[in-house]
Amino acid sequence: MNADAPTPPSSGSASADDWPTLSNDLLQGLVHALNNRLSALGALMELARLRDETVDPLAELPTEVAQLQELTGLFALLPERRTEAEALELSAALADAVRLHEHHLRLRAGRCEVRYEGTPPAVRAPRSALVRTLVMLVHAAKRSGDASERGGLPIIVRSDESTVSVCVSTAANASHDLVAAGERAGGEVIREGDLMIFRLPTLAELRRRERSARG
């Protein structure tokens, strides 16, 4: 099997969910979480109005505000933004993807274990495209675990001097949306055995290529 190109869908394997389907579930989960936080704020306001001495609403407000700020940050990850590529820590982007997917309507109870084989170097990519790619990989990992009744399978991040690879064990083929998002992030989605892999060059490798092109 050629590991340098995406594996085309086969008739025997289902494709991973497309982005509109996945993002709709994530959006509904976020709205549900937002409504919960607004209800909590309403309850604190009512306690303050009644001057209930058993609870100090002002002491609880910072926690509720922080949770609302986190939710608005997750909402901001959903729309696609045609931004320029920038230097990013892949581990931070993957953490955002995991937190966002925790609001999925059906799979939010599943755990997603991320295993790093070494410290992943920095990459350069449009943040929106990178996070979208990683969210779809997290979804593929959780859905694979759900189908096998073993819980969320691990995501393995491997790296060397030139590339970073995010690996997920799944029988599903990469959706067209996942392949396209991976390309916009400056990488590629391939299959090696039972692994779906998103591979992209490191920031150091991109700079090396740029120096080589100038020289």
N, C-alpha and C. Protein backbone atom coordinates (compact mmCIF):
# COMPACT_ATOMS: atom_id res chain seq x y z
N MET A 1 0.84 -1.20 0.00
CA MET A 1 0.00 0.00 0.00
C MET A 1 0.87 1.24 0.00
N ASN A 2 0.53 2.18 -0.83
CA ASN A 2 1.30 3.42 -0.89
C ASN A 2 0.91 4.32 0.26
N ALA A 3 1.86 4.60 1.16
CA ALA A 3 1.56 5.40 2.35
C ALA A 3 1.67 6.88 2.09
N ASP A 4 1.97 7.26 0.84
CA ASP A 4 2.19 8.67 0.54
C ASP A 4 0.97 9.36 -0.02
N ALA A 5 -0.14 8.65 -0.12
CA ALA A 5 -1.35 9.26 -0.68
C ALA A 5 -2.54 8.76 0.11
N PRO A 6 -3.62 9.58 0.21
CA PRO A 6 -4.80 9.14 0.94
C PRO A 6 -5.40 7.89 0.33
N THR A 7 -5.84 6.97 1.16
CA THR A 7 -6.48 5.76 0.68
C THR A 7 -7.90 6.08 0.23
N PRO A 8 -8.26 5.76 -1.00
CA PRO A 8 -9.62 6.05 -1.45
C PRO A 8 -10.62 5.21 -0.71
N PRO A 9 -11.85 5.72 -0.53
CA PRO A 9 -12.87 4.93 0.16
C PRO A 9 -13.10 3.60 -0.53
N SER A 10 -13.28 2.56 0.26
CA SER A 10 -13.58 1.24 -0.28
C SER A 10 -15.02 0.90 0.06
N SER A 11 -15.57 -0.05 -0.68
CA SER A 11 -16.97 -0.40 -0.46
C SER A 11 -17.18 -1.10 0.87
N GLY A 12 -16.07 -1.61 1.49
CA GLY A 12 -16.22 -2.36 2.72
C GLY A 12 -16.11 -1.53 3.96
N SER A 13 -15.74 -0.25 3.86
CA SER A 13 -15.54 0.57 5.05
C SER A 13 -16.35 1.85 4.94
N ALA A 14 -16.98 2.21 6.04
CA ALA A 14 -17.73 3.46 6.07
C ALA A 14 -16.78 4.63 6.18
N SER A 15 -17.22 5.78 5.71
CA SER A 15 -16.41 6.98 5.84
C SER A 15 -16.70 7.64 7.18
N ALA A 16 -15.71 8.36 7.68
CA ALA A 16 -15.92 9.14 8.89
C ALA A 16 -16.95 10.23 8.62
N ASP A 17 -17.58 10.74 9.69
CA ASP A 17 -18.60 11.77 9.52
C ASP A 17 -18.04 12.99 8.81
N ASP A 18 -18.88 13.62 7.98
CA ASP A 18 -18.45 14.87 7.35
C ASP A 18 -18.55 16.00 8.37
N TRP A 19 -17.96 17.16 8.04
CA TRP A 19 -17.91 18.26 8.99
C TRP A 19 -19.29 18.84 9.31
N PRO A 20 -20.20 19.06 8.34
CA PRO A 20 -21.51 19.59 8.71
C PRO A 20 -22.25 18.73 9.73
N THR A 21 -22.19 17.40 9.58
CA THR A 21 -22.85 16.51 10.55
C THR A 21 -22.21 16.64 11.92
N LEU A 22 -20.89 16.59 11.95
CA LEU A 22 -20.18 16.65 13.22
C LEU A 22 -20.36 18.01 13.89
N SER A 23 -20.19 19.09 13.13
CA SER A 23 -20.28 20.42 13.73
C SER A 23 -21.68 20.72 14.24
N ASN A 24 -22.71 20.16 13.60
CA ASN A 24 -24.08 20.36 14.08
C ASN A 24 -24.26 19.74 15.46
N ASP A 25 -23.72 18.52 15.65
CA ASP A 25 -23.80 17.89 16.97
C ASP A 25 -23.01 18.68 18.01
N LEU A 26 -21.82 19.15 17.63
CA LEU A 26 -21.01 19.94 18.56
C LEU A 26 -21.72 21.24 18.93
N LEU A 27 -22.33 21.89 17.95
CA LEU A 27 -23.03 23.14 18.21
C LEU A 27 -24.19 22.93 19.17
N GLN A 28 -24.96 21.87 18.96
CA GLN A 28 -26.08 21.60 19.86
C GLN A 28 -25.58 21.32 21.29
N GLY A 29 -24.46 20.60 21.40
CA GLY A 29 -23.89 20.34 22.71
C GLY A 29 -23.42 21.60 23.40
N LEU A 30 -22.81 22.49 22.64
CA LEU A 30 -22.35 23.76 23.21
C LEU A 30 -23.52 24.63 23.65
N VAL A 31 -24.57 24.66 22.84
CA VAL A 31 -25.76 25.44 23.21
C VAL A 31 -26.36 24.89 24.50
N HIS A 32 -26.41 23.57 24.63
CA HIS A 32 -26.93 22.95 25.86
C HIS A 32 -26.08 23.36 27.06
N ALA A 33 -24.76 23.33 26.90
CA ALA A 33 -23.87 23.73 28.00
C ALA A 33 -24.04 25.21 28.33
N LEU A 34 -24.22 26.04 27.30
CA LEU A 34 -24.42 27.47 27.53
C LEU A 34 -25.72 27.72 28.29
N ASN A 35 -26.78 27.02 27.93
CA ASN A 35 -28.05 27.18 28.64
C ASN A 35 -27.92 26.77 30.11
N ASN A 36 -27.13 25.74 30.37
CA ASN A 36 -26.90 25.33 31.76
C ASN A 36 -26.21 26.42 32.55
N ARG A 37 -25.22 27.05 31.94
CA ARG A 37 -24.49 28.12 32.64
C ARG A 37 -25.39 29.34 32.86
N LEU A 38 -26.25 29.66 31.88
CA LEU A 38 -27.16 30.78 32.05
C LEU A 38 -28.18 30.48 33.15
N SER A 39 -28.63 29.23 33.23
CA SER A 39 -29.55 28.85 34.31
C SER A 39 -28.88 28.99 35.67
N ALA A 40 -27.60 28.60 35.73
CA ALA A 40 -26.86 28.74 36.98
C ALA A 40 -26.72 30.20 37.38
N LEU A 41 -26.46 31.06 36.40
CA LEU A 41 -26.36 32.49 36.70
C LEU A 41 -27.71 33.03 37.17
N GLY A 42 -28.79 32.58 36.54
CA GLY A 42 -30.12 33.01 36.97
C GLY A 42 -30.41 32.59 38.39
N ALA A 43 -29.98 31.38 38.75
CA ALA A 43 -30.20 30.91 40.12
C ALA A 43 -29.40 31.75 41.12
N LEU A 44 -28.19 32.13 40.75
CA LEU A 44 -27.38 32.98 41.64
C LEU A 44 -28.03 34.35 41.82
N MET A 45 -28.57 34.88 40.75
CA MET A 45 -29.25 36.18 40.84
C MET A 45 -30.47 36.09 41.75
N GLU A 46 -31.19 34.98 41.66
CA GLU A 46 -32.37 34.81 42.51
C GLU A 46 -31.97 34.69 43.98
N LEU A 47 -30.86 33.97 44.24
CA LEU A 47 -30.38 33.86 45.62
C LEU A 47 -29.94 35.22 46.15
N ALA A 48 -29.33 36.01 45.28
CA ALA A 48 -28.91 37.35 45.71
C ALA A 48 -30.13 38.22 46.01
N ARG A 49 -31.19 38.08 45.20
CA ARG A 49 -32.40 38.86 45.42
C ARG A 49 -33.06 38.49 46.74
N LEU A 50 -33.03 37.17 47.05
CA LEU A 50 -33.64 36.70 48.28
C LEU A 50 -32.73 36.87 49.49
N ARG A 51 -31.48 37.26 49.21
CA ARG A 51 -30.47 37.42 50.27
C ARG A 51 -30.33 36.15 51.10
N ASP A 52 -30.20 35.04 50.35
CA ASP A 52 -30.01 33.74 50.99
C ASP A 52 -28.62 33.71 51.62
N GLU A 53 -28.55 33.52 52.92
CA GLU A 53 -27.28 33.56 53.62
C GLU A 53 -26.51 32.25 53.53
N THR A 54 -27.12 31.21 52.99
CA THR A 54 -26.41 29.93 52.88
C THR A 54 -25.46 29.89 51.69
N VAL A 55 -25.67 30.78 50.74
CA VAL A 55 -24.82 30.82 49.53
C VAL A 55 -24.42 32.25 49.27
N ASP A 56 -23.14 32.46 48.95
CA ASP A 56 -22.65 33.78 48.58
C ASP A 56 -22.57 33.86 47.06
N PRO A 57 -23.55 34.48 46.39
CA PRO A 57 -23.54 34.53 44.92
C PRO A 57 -22.28 35.16 44.36
N LEU A 58 -21.76 36.18 45.04
CA LEU A 58 -20.57 36.84 44.53
C LEU A 58 -19.36 35.91 44.52
N ALA A 59 -19.31 35.00 45.46
CA ALA A 59 -18.20 34.05 45.51
C ALA A 59 -18.29 33.03 44.37
N GLU A 60 -19.51 32.75 43.91
CA GLU A 60 -19.70 31.76 42.84
C GLU A 60 -19.55 32.38 41.45
N LEU A 61 -19.71 33.70 41.34
CA LEU A 61 -19.70 34.34 40.03
C LEU A 61 -18.41 34.13 39.23
N PRO A 62 -17.22 34.25 39.84
CA PRO A 62 -15.99 34.06 39.04
C PRO A 62 -15.93 32.72 38.35
N THR A 63 -16.40 31.66 39.03
CA THR A 63 -16.38 30.34 38.42
C THR A 63 -17.32 30.27 37.24
N GLU A 64 -18.52 30.83 37.40
CA GLU A 64 -19.49 30.81 36.30
C GLU A 64 -19.00 31.65 35.12
N VAL A 65 -18.42 32.80 35.40
CA VAL A 65 -17.90 33.65 34.32
C VAL A 65 -16.77 32.94 33.58
N ALA A 66 -15.90 32.26 34.31
CA ALA A 66 -14.79 31.54 33.68
C ALA A 66 -15.33 30.43 32.77
N GLN A 67 -16.37 29.74 33.22
CA GLN A 67 -16.94 28.68 32.39
C GLN A 67 -17.62 29.25 31.15
N LEU A 68 -18.25 30.41 31.29
CA LEU A 68 -18.84 31.06 30.12
C LEU A 68 -17.76 31.48 29.13
N GLN A 69 -16.65 32.00 29.63
CA GLN A 69 -15.56 32.41 28.75
C GLN A 69 -14.98 31.22 28.01
N GLU A 70 -14.88 30.08 28.70
CA GLU A 70 -14.38 28.87 28.04
C GLU A 70 -15.34 28.43 26.94
N LEU A 71 -16.63 28.51 27.21
CA LEU A 71 -17.61 28.12 26.19
C LEU A 71 -17.55 29.03 24.97
N THR A 72 -17.43 30.34 25.19
CA THR A 72 -17.35 31.25 24.04
C THR A 72 -16.09 30.97 23.23
N GLY A 73 -15.01 30.58 23.91
CA GLY A 73 -13.79 30.22 23.19
C GLY A 73 -13.99 28.98 22.33
N LEU A 74 -14.77 28.01 22.82
CA LEU A 74 -15.05 26.81 22.05
C LEU A 74 -15.98 27.11 20.88
N PHE A 75 -16.97 27.98 21.09
CA PHE A 75 -17.83 28.41 19.98
C PHE A 75 -16.99 29.00 18.85
N ALA A 76 -15.96 29.77 19.21
CA ALA A 76 -15.13 30.45 18.21
C ALA A 76 -14.32 29.48 17.37
N LEU A 77 -14.18 28.22 17.84
CA LEU A 77 -13.41 27.25 17.09
C LEU A 77 -14.21 26.62 15.95
N LEU A 78 -15.54 26.72 15.98
CA LEU A 78 -16.37 26.04 15.00
C LEU A 78 -16.33 26.67 13.60
N PRO A 79 -16.50 28.00 13.45
CA PRO A 79 -16.51 28.56 12.10
C PRO A 79 -15.14 28.44 11.44
N GLU A 80 -15.15 28.25 10.13
CA GLU A 80 -13.89 28.23 9.40
C GLU A 80 -13.44 29.66 9.15
N ARG A 81 -12.21 29.93 9.48
CA ARG A 81 -11.65 31.27 9.29
C ARG A 81 -10.47 31.16 8.33
N ARG A 82 -10.54 31.88 7.23
CA ARG A 82 -9.48 31.83 6.23
C ARG A 82 -8.30 32.69 6.68
N THR A 83 -7.60 32.21 7.68
CA THR A 83 -6.49 32.95 8.25
C THR A 83 -5.17 32.47 7.65
N GLU A 84 -4.15 33.27 7.81
CA GLU A 84 -2.82 32.89 7.35
C GLU A 84 -2.23 31.85 8.29
N ALA A 85 -1.29 31.08 7.77
CA ALA A 85 -0.60 30.10 8.60
C ALA A 85 0.24 30.81 9.66
N GLU A 86 0.31 30.23 10.84
CA GLU A 86 1.09 30.79 11.93
C GLU A 86 1.75 29.67 12.71
N ALA A 87 2.77 30.01 13.47
CA ALA A 87 3.45 29.02 14.30
C ALA A 87 2.51 28.62 15.44
N LEU A 88 2.33 27.31 15.62
CA LEU A 88 1.40 26.80 16.63
C LEU A 88 2.01 25.59 17.33
N GLU A 89 1.61 25.41 18.59
CA GLU A 89 1.95 24.20 19.32
C GLU A 89 0.86 23.17 19.04
N LEU A 90 1.20 22.07 18.42
CA LEU A 90 0.19 21.07 18.07
C LEU A 90 -0.50 20.53 19.31
N SER A 91 0.23 20.38 20.41
CA SER A 91 -0.39 19.85 21.63
C SER A 91 -1.49 20.77 22.13
N ALA A 92 -1.30 22.09 22.01
CA ALA A 92 -2.34 23.04 22.45
C ALA A 92 -3.56 22.96 21.54
N ALA A 93 -3.33 22.86 20.23
CA ALA A 93 -4.44 22.75 19.29
C ALA A 93 -5.21 21.45 19.51
N LEU A 94 -4.50 20.37 19.81
CA LEU A 94 -5.16 19.09 20.06
C LEU A 94 -5.96 19.13 21.36
N ALA A 95 -5.44 19.83 22.37
CA ALA A 95 -6.18 19.98 23.62
C ALA A 95 -7.49 20.74 23.37
N ASP A 96 -7.45 21.78 22.52
CA ASP A 96 -8.67 22.51 22.16
C ASP A 96 -9.66 21.59 21.45
N ALA A 97 -9.15 20.75 20.55
CA ALA A 97 -10.02 19.84 19.81
C ALA A 97 -10.70 18.84 20.75
N VAL A 98 -9.95 18.32 21.71
CA VAL A 98 -10.51 17.37 22.67
C VAL A 98 -11.58 18.05 23.51
N ARG A 99 -11.31 19.28 24.00
CA ARG A 99 -12.29 20.00 24.83
C ARG A 99 -13.55 20.30 24.03
N LEU A 100 -13.39 20.67 22.77
CA LEU A 100 -14.56 20.95 21.94
C LEU A 100 -15.40 19.70 21.74
N HIS A 101 -14.75 18.58 21.46
CA HIS A 101 -15.49 17.36 21.18
C HIS A 101 -16.18 16.81 22.43
N GLU A 102 -15.74 17.22 23.60
CA GLU A 102 -16.40 16.76 24.83
C GLU A 102 -17.85 17.22 24.90
N HIS A 103 -18.26 18.12 24.01
CA HIS A 103 -19.65 18.58 23.98
C HIS A 103 -20.47 17.87 22.91
N HIS A 104 -19.92 16.84 22.27
CA HIS A 104 -20.67 16.09 21.26
C HIS A 104 -21.88 15.44 21.92
N LEU A 105 -23.02 15.48 21.24
CA LEU A 105 -24.27 15.00 21.83
C LEU A 105 -24.22 13.53 22.22
N ARG A 106 -23.66 12.68 21.35
CA ARG A 106 -23.70 11.23 21.62
C ARG A 106 -22.40 10.72 22.25
N LEU A 107 -21.29 11.32 21.92
CA LEU A 107 -19.99 10.77 22.33
C LEU A 107 -19.30 11.58 23.42
N ARG A 108 -20.02 12.51 24.05
CA ARG A 108 -19.35 13.36 25.03
C ARG A 108 -18.95 12.60 26.29
N ALA A 109 -19.59 11.45 26.55
CA ALA A 109 -19.23 10.68 27.73
C ALA A 109 -17.96 9.86 27.50
N GLY A 110 -17.57 9.68 26.25
CA GLY A 110 -16.38 8.89 25.95
C GLY A 110 -15.11 9.65 26.26
N ARG A 111 -14.11 8.93 26.75
CA ARG A 111 -12.82 9.52 27.05
C ARG A 111 -11.91 9.36 25.86
N CYS A 112 -11.06 10.35 25.68
CA CYS A 112 -10.11 10.32 24.58
C CYS A 112 -8.71 10.46 25.17
N GLU A 113 -7.94 9.40 25.08
CA GLU A 113 -6.58 9.40 25.62
C GLU A 113 -5.59 9.82 24.55
N VAL A 114 -4.80 10.85 24.82
CA VAL A 114 -3.77 11.31 23.89
C VAL A 114 -2.42 10.86 24.41
N ARG A 115 -1.70 10.12 23.58
CA ARG A 115 -0.37 9.64 23.95
C ARG A 115 0.67 10.33 23.07
N TYR A 116 1.65 10.94 23.71
CA TYR A 116 2.73 11.60 22.98
C TYR A 116 3.98 10.74 23.04
N GLU A 117 4.49 10.41 21.88
CA GLU A 117 5.76 9.71 21.80
C GLU A 117 6.84 10.76 21.54
N GLY A 118 7.35 11.32 22.62
CA GLY A 118 8.28 12.43 22.51
C GLY A 118 7.53 13.75 22.55
N THR A 119 8.25 14.84 22.61
CA THR A 119 7.66 16.18 22.65
C THR A 119 7.43 16.67 21.23
N PRO A 120 6.17 16.94 20.86
CA PRO A 120 5.90 17.36 19.48
C PRO A 120 6.46 18.76 19.22
N PRO A 121 7.21 18.95 18.14
CA PRO A 121 7.73 20.28 17.81
C PRO A 121 6.61 21.18 17.29
N ALA A 122 6.92 22.46 17.20
CA ALA A 122 5.95 23.42 16.68
C ALA A 122 5.68 23.17 15.20
N VAL A 123 4.49 23.56 14.76
CA VAL A 123 4.11 23.46 13.35
C VAL A 123 3.68 24.84 12.87
N ARG A 124 3.45 24.95 11.57
CA ARG A 124 2.92 26.21 11.03
C ARG A 124 1.70 25.88 10.19
N ALA A 125 0.55 26.44 10.58
CA ALA A 125 -0.70 26.11 9.90
C ALA A 125 -1.74 27.18 10.23
N PRO A 126 -2.76 27.34 9.38
CA PRO A 126 -3.91 28.15 9.76
C PRO A 126 -4.61 27.49 10.95
N ARG A 127 -4.80 28.22 12.02
CA ARG A 127 -5.33 27.63 13.25
C ARG A 127 -6.68 26.95 13.03
N SER A 128 -7.58 27.59 12.29
CA SER A 128 -8.92 27.03 12.09
C SER A 128 -8.85 25.67 11.40
N ALA A 129 -8.04 25.58 10.34
CA ALA A 129 -7.93 24.33 9.59
C ALA A 129 -7.29 23.24 10.45
N LEU A 130 -6.29 23.60 11.24
CA LEU A 130 -5.62 22.61 12.08
C LEU A 130 -6.58 22.08 13.14
N VAL A 131 -7.29 22.96 13.83
CA VAL A 131 -8.21 22.51 14.88
C VAL A 131 -9.34 21.68 14.28
N ARG A 132 -9.85 22.08 13.12
CA ARG A 132 -10.93 21.31 12.49
C ARG A 132 -10.46 19.90 12.14
N THR A 133 -9.25 19.79 11.61
CA THR A 133 -8.69 18.48 11.29
C THR A 133 -8.59 17.62 12.54
N LEU A 134 -8.08 18.21 13.61
CA LEU A 134 -7.89 17.46 14.85
C LEU A 134 -9.21 17.07 15.49
N VAL A 135 -10.23 17.94 15.40
CA VAL A 135 -11.55 17.59 15.95
C VAL A 135 -12.11 16.37 15.22
N MET A 136 -11.96 16.33 13.91
CA MET A 136 -12.47 15.18 13.16
C MET A 136 -11.69 13.91 13.48
N LEU A 137 -10.40 14.03 13.79
CA LEU A 137 -9.63 12.86 14.21
C LEU A 137 -10.06 12.39 15.60
N VAL A 138 -10.30 13.32 16.50
CA VAL A 138 -10.82 12.96 17.82
C VAL A 138 -12.15 12.23 17.67
N HIS A 139 -13.00 12.73 16.79
CA HIS A 139 -14.30 12.10 16.56
C HIS A 139 -14.12 10.68 16.02
N ALA A 140 -13.20 10.50 15.10
CA ALA A 140 -12.95 9.17 14.54
C ALA A 140 -12.47 8.21 15.63
N ALA A 141 -11.61 8.70 16.53
CA ALA A 141 -11.11 7.86 17.62
C ALA A 141 -12.24 7.46 18.55
N LYS A 142 -13.07 8.41 18.94
CA LYS A 142 -14.16 8.10 19.86
C LYS A 142 -15.20 7.21 19.22
N ARG A 143 -15.52 7.47 17.95
CA ARG A 143 -16.53 6.67 17.28
C ARG A 143 -16.06 5.23 17.10
N SER A 144 -14.78 5.05 16.83
CA SER A 144 -14.23 3.71 16.69
C SER A 144 -14.33 2.96 18.02
N GLY A 145 -14.01 3.65 19.11
CA GLY A 145 -14.11 3.04 20.43
C GLY A 145 -15.55 2.72 20.79
N ASP A 146 -16.47 3.61 20.42
CA ASP A 146 -17.89 3.39 20.71
C ASP A 146 -18.41 2.16 19.97
N ALA A 147 -17.95 2.00 18.71
CA ALA A 147 -18.44 0.88 17.92
C ALA A 147 -17.94 -0.44 18.47
N SER A 148 -16.75 -0.44 19.09
CA SER A 148 -16.19 -1.69 19.59
C SER A 148 -16.51 -1.90 21.06
N GLU A 149 -17.25 -0.97 21.69
CA GLU A 149 -17.64 -1.05 23.10
C GLU A 149 -16.43 -1.14 24.02
N ARG A 150 -15.33 -0.50 23.62
CA ARG A 150 -14.14 -0.50 24.45
C ARG A 150 -13.80 0.89 24.96
N GLY A 151 -14.69 1.84 24.70
CA GLY A 151 -14.38 3.21 25.10
C GLY A 151 -13.50 3.87 24.06
N GLY A 152 -13.22 5.15 24.25
CA GLY A 152 -12.42 5.90 23.30
C GLY A 152 -11.02 5.35 23.17
N LEU A 153 -10.60 5.11 21.96
CA LEU A 153 -9.26 4.61 21.71
C LEU A 153 -8.27 5.77 21.74
N PRO A 154 -7.00 5.45 21.99
CA PRO A 154 -6.03 6.54 22.11
C PRO A 154 -5.69 7.20 20.78
N ILE A 155 -5.33 8.46 20.88
CA ILE A 155 -4.72 9.18 19.77
C ILE A 155 -3.23 9.23 20.06
N ILE A 156 -2.44 8.79 19.11
CA ILE A 156 -0.99 8.75 19.31
C ILE A 156 -0.33 9.82 18.45
N VAL A 157 0.50 10.64 19.07
CA VAL A 157 1.21 11.71 18.36
C VAL A 157 2.68 11.33 18.30
N ARG A 158 3.17 11.14 17.07
CA ARG A 158 4.56 10.78 16.85
C ARG A 158 5.25 11.91 16.10
N SER A 159 6.52 12.10 16.38
CA SER A 159 7.23 13.19 15.72
C SER A 159 8.70 12.86 15.55
N ASP A 160 9.28 13.49 14.54
CA ASP A 160 10.73 13.48 14.37
C ASP A 160 11.13 14.88 13.95
N GLU A 161 12.30 15.06 13.42
CA GLU A 161 12.77 16.40 13.09
C GLU A 161 11.98 17.05 11.97
N SER A 162 11.39 16.24 11.09
CA SER A 162 10.74 16.82 9.91
C SER A 162 9.23 16.73 9.90
N THR A 163 8.65 15.79 10.64
CA THR A 163 7.19 15.63 10.58
C THR A 163 6.59 15.36 11.95
N VAL A 164 5.30 15.68 12.04
CA VAL A 164 4.48 15.31 13.20
C VAL A 164 3.31 14.52 12.66
N SER A 165 3.01 13.39 13.29
CA SER A 165 1.92 12.53 12.84
C SER A 165 0.93 12.29 13.97
N VAL A 166 -0.35 12.52 13.68
CA VAL A 166 -1.42 12.25 14.64
C VAL A 166 -2.13 11.00 14.15
N CYS A 167 -2.07 9.93 14.94
CA CYS A 167 -2.51 8.61 14.50
C CYS A 167 -3.74 8.15 15.27
N VAL A 168 -4.72 7.62 14.54
CA VAL A 168 -5.96 7.11 15.13
C VAL A 168 -6.23 5.73 14.56
N SER A 169 -6.54 4.78 15.43
CA SER A 169 -6.90 3.44 14.99
C SER A 169 -8.39 3.41 14.67
N THR A 170 -8.72 3.23 13.40
CA THR A 170 -10.13 3.19 12.98
C THR A 170 -10.23 2.48 11.64
N ALA A 171 -11.35 1.79 11.44
CA ALA A 171 -11.59 1.13 10.16
C ALA A 171 -12.23 2.07 9.15
N ALA A 172 -12.70 3.23 9.61
CA ALA A 172 -13.38 4.17 8.72
C ALA A 172 -12.39 4.84 7.79
N ASN A 173 -12.84 5.15 6.60
CA ASN A 173 -12.04 5.94 5.66
C ASN A 173 -12.16 7.41 6.00
N ALA A 174 -11.15 8.17 5.67
CA ALA A 174 -11.19 9.61 5.88
C ALA A 174 -12.26 10.24 4.99
N SER A 175 -13.09 11.09 5.58
CA SER A 175 -14.09 11.80 4.78
C SER A 175 -13.40 12.84 3.90
N HIS A 176 -14.11 13.28 2.87
CA HIS A 176 -13.56 14.33 2.00
C HIS A 176 -13.29 15.60 2.80
N ASP A 177 -14.14 15.89 3.79
CA ASP A 177 -13.95 17.08 4.62
C ASP A 177 -12.67 16.99 5.43
N LEU A 178 -12.38 15.79 5.96
CA LEU A 178 -11.15 15.61 6.74
C LEU A 178 -9.93 15.76 5.85
N VAL A 179 -9.95 15.15 4.69
CA VAL A 179 -8.82 15.26 3.77
C VAL A 179 -8.59 16.72 3.38
N ALA A 180 -9.69 17.44 3.07
CA ALA A 180 -9.57 18.84 2.65
C ALA A 180 -9.06 19.72 3.78
N ALA A 181 -9.54 19.49 5.01
CA ALA A 181 -9.07 20.29 6.15
C ALA A 181 -7.59 20.02 6.40
N GLY A 182 -7.18 18.76 6.29
CA GLY A 182 -5.77 18.43 6.46
C GLY A 182 -4.89 19.11 5.45
N GLU A 183 -5.36 19.20 4.22
CA GLU A 183 -4.59 19.89 3.18
C GLU A 183 -4.51 21.38 3.46
N ARG A 184 -5.62 21.98 3.92
CA ARG A 184 -5.59 23.42 4.24
C ARG A 184 -4.64 23.69 5.40
N ALA A 185 -4.48 22.70 6.29
CA ALA A 185 -3.57 22.86 7.42
C ALA A 185 -2.12 22.64 7.01
N GLY A 186 -1.90 22.27 5.75
CA GLY A 186 -0.54 22.09 5.27
C GLY A 186 -0.03 20.67 5.39
N GLY A 187 -0.94 19.71 5.64
CA GLY A 187 -0.51 18.33 5.79
C GLY A 187 -1.29 17.41 4.87
N GLU A 188 -1.35 16.14 5.23
CA GLU A 188 -2.06 15.15 4.44
C GLU A 188 -2.62 14.08 5.37
N VAL A 189 -3.74 13.50 4.96
CA VAL A 189 -4.35 12.40 5.70
C VAL A 189 -4.12 11.13 4.90
N ILE A 190 -3.46 10.15 5.51
CA ILE A 190 -3.12 8.91 4.84
C ILE A 190 -3.57 7.73 5.70
N ARG A 191 -3.43 6.54 5.15
CA ARG A 191 -3.72 5.32 5.92
C ARG A 191 -2.50 4.42 5.87
N GLU A 192 -2.14 3.90 7.04
CA GLU A 192 -1.09 2.90 7.15
C GLU A 192 -1.63 1.76 8.01
N GLY A 193 -1.96 0.64 7.37
CA GLY A 193 -2.56 -0.47 8.09
C GLY A 193 -3.91 -0.07 8.67
N ASP A 194 -4.09 -0.24 9.99
CA ASP A 194 -5.37 0.11 10.61
C ASP A 194 -5.36 1.53 11.17
N LEU A 195 -4.34 2.31 10.83
CA LEU A 195 -4.22 3.67 11.35
C LEU A 195 -4.62 4.70 10.30
N MET A 196 -5.43 5.66 10.71
CA MET A 196 -5.65 6.87 9.95
C MET A 196 -4.67 7.91 10.50
N ILE A 197 -3.89 8.52 9.64
CA ILE A 197 -2.79 9.37 10.09
C ILE A 197 -2.89 10.74 9.43
N PHE A 198 -2.81 11.77 10.25
CA PHE A 198 -2.67 13.14 9.76
C PHE A 198 -1.21 13.52 9.97
N ARG A 199 -0.52 13.80 8.87
CA ARG A 199 0.91 14.07 8.92
C ARG A 199 1.16 15.46 8.35
N LEU A 200 1.97 16.25 9.05
CA LEU A 200 2.33 17.56 8.55
C LEU A 200 3.77 17.89 8.93
N PRO A 201 4.41 18.75 8.14
CA PRO A 201 5.80 19.08 8.42
C PRO A 201 5.93 19.95 9.67
N THR A 202 7.06 19.83 10.34
CA THR A 202 7.32 20.68 11.49
C THR A 202 7.68 22.08 11.03
N LEU A 203 7.63 23.02 11.95
CA LEU A 203 8.03 24.39 11.64
C LEU A 203 9.49 24.43 11.22
N ALA A 204 10.33 23.67 11.91
CA ALA A 204 11.75 23.64 11.57
C ALA A 204 11.97 23.11 10.15
N GLU A 205 11.19 22.10 9.76
CA GLU A 205 11.33 21.55 8.42
C GLU A 205 10.89 22.55 7.36
N LEU A 206 9.80 23.27 7.63
CA LEU A 206 9.35 24.29 6.67
C LEU A 206 10.39 25.38 6.50
N ARG A 207 11.01 25.79 7.60
CA ARG A 207 12.05 26.82 7.51
C ARG A 207 13.26 26.30 6.75
N ARG A 208 13.58 25.03 6.95
CA ARG A 208 14.70 24.43 6.21
C ARG A 208 14.41 24.44 4.71
N ARG A 209 13.18 24.12 4.34
CA ARG A 209 12.80 24.13 2.93
C ARG A 209 12.88 25.54 2.36
N GLU A 210 12.46 26.52 3.15
CA GLU A 210 12.51 27.90 2.67
C GLU A 210 13.95 28.36 2.46
N ARG A 211 14.83 28.01 3.38
CA ARG A 211 16.25 28.36 3.23
C ARG A 211 16.84 27.69 2.00
N SER A 212 16.45 26.42 1.79
CA SER A 212 16.95 25.69 0.64
C SER A 212 16.47 26.31 -0.67
N ALA A 213 15.20 26.77 -0.68
CA ALA A 213 14.65 27.38 -1.89
C ALA A 213 15.35 28.71 -2.20
N ARG A 214 15.68 29.47 -1.14
CA ARG A 214 16.37 30.76 -1.36
C ARG A 214 17.81 30.55 -1.79
N GLY A 215 18.42 29.44 -1.31
CA GLY A 215 19.83 29.22 -1.61
C GLY A 215 20.07 28.49 -2.90
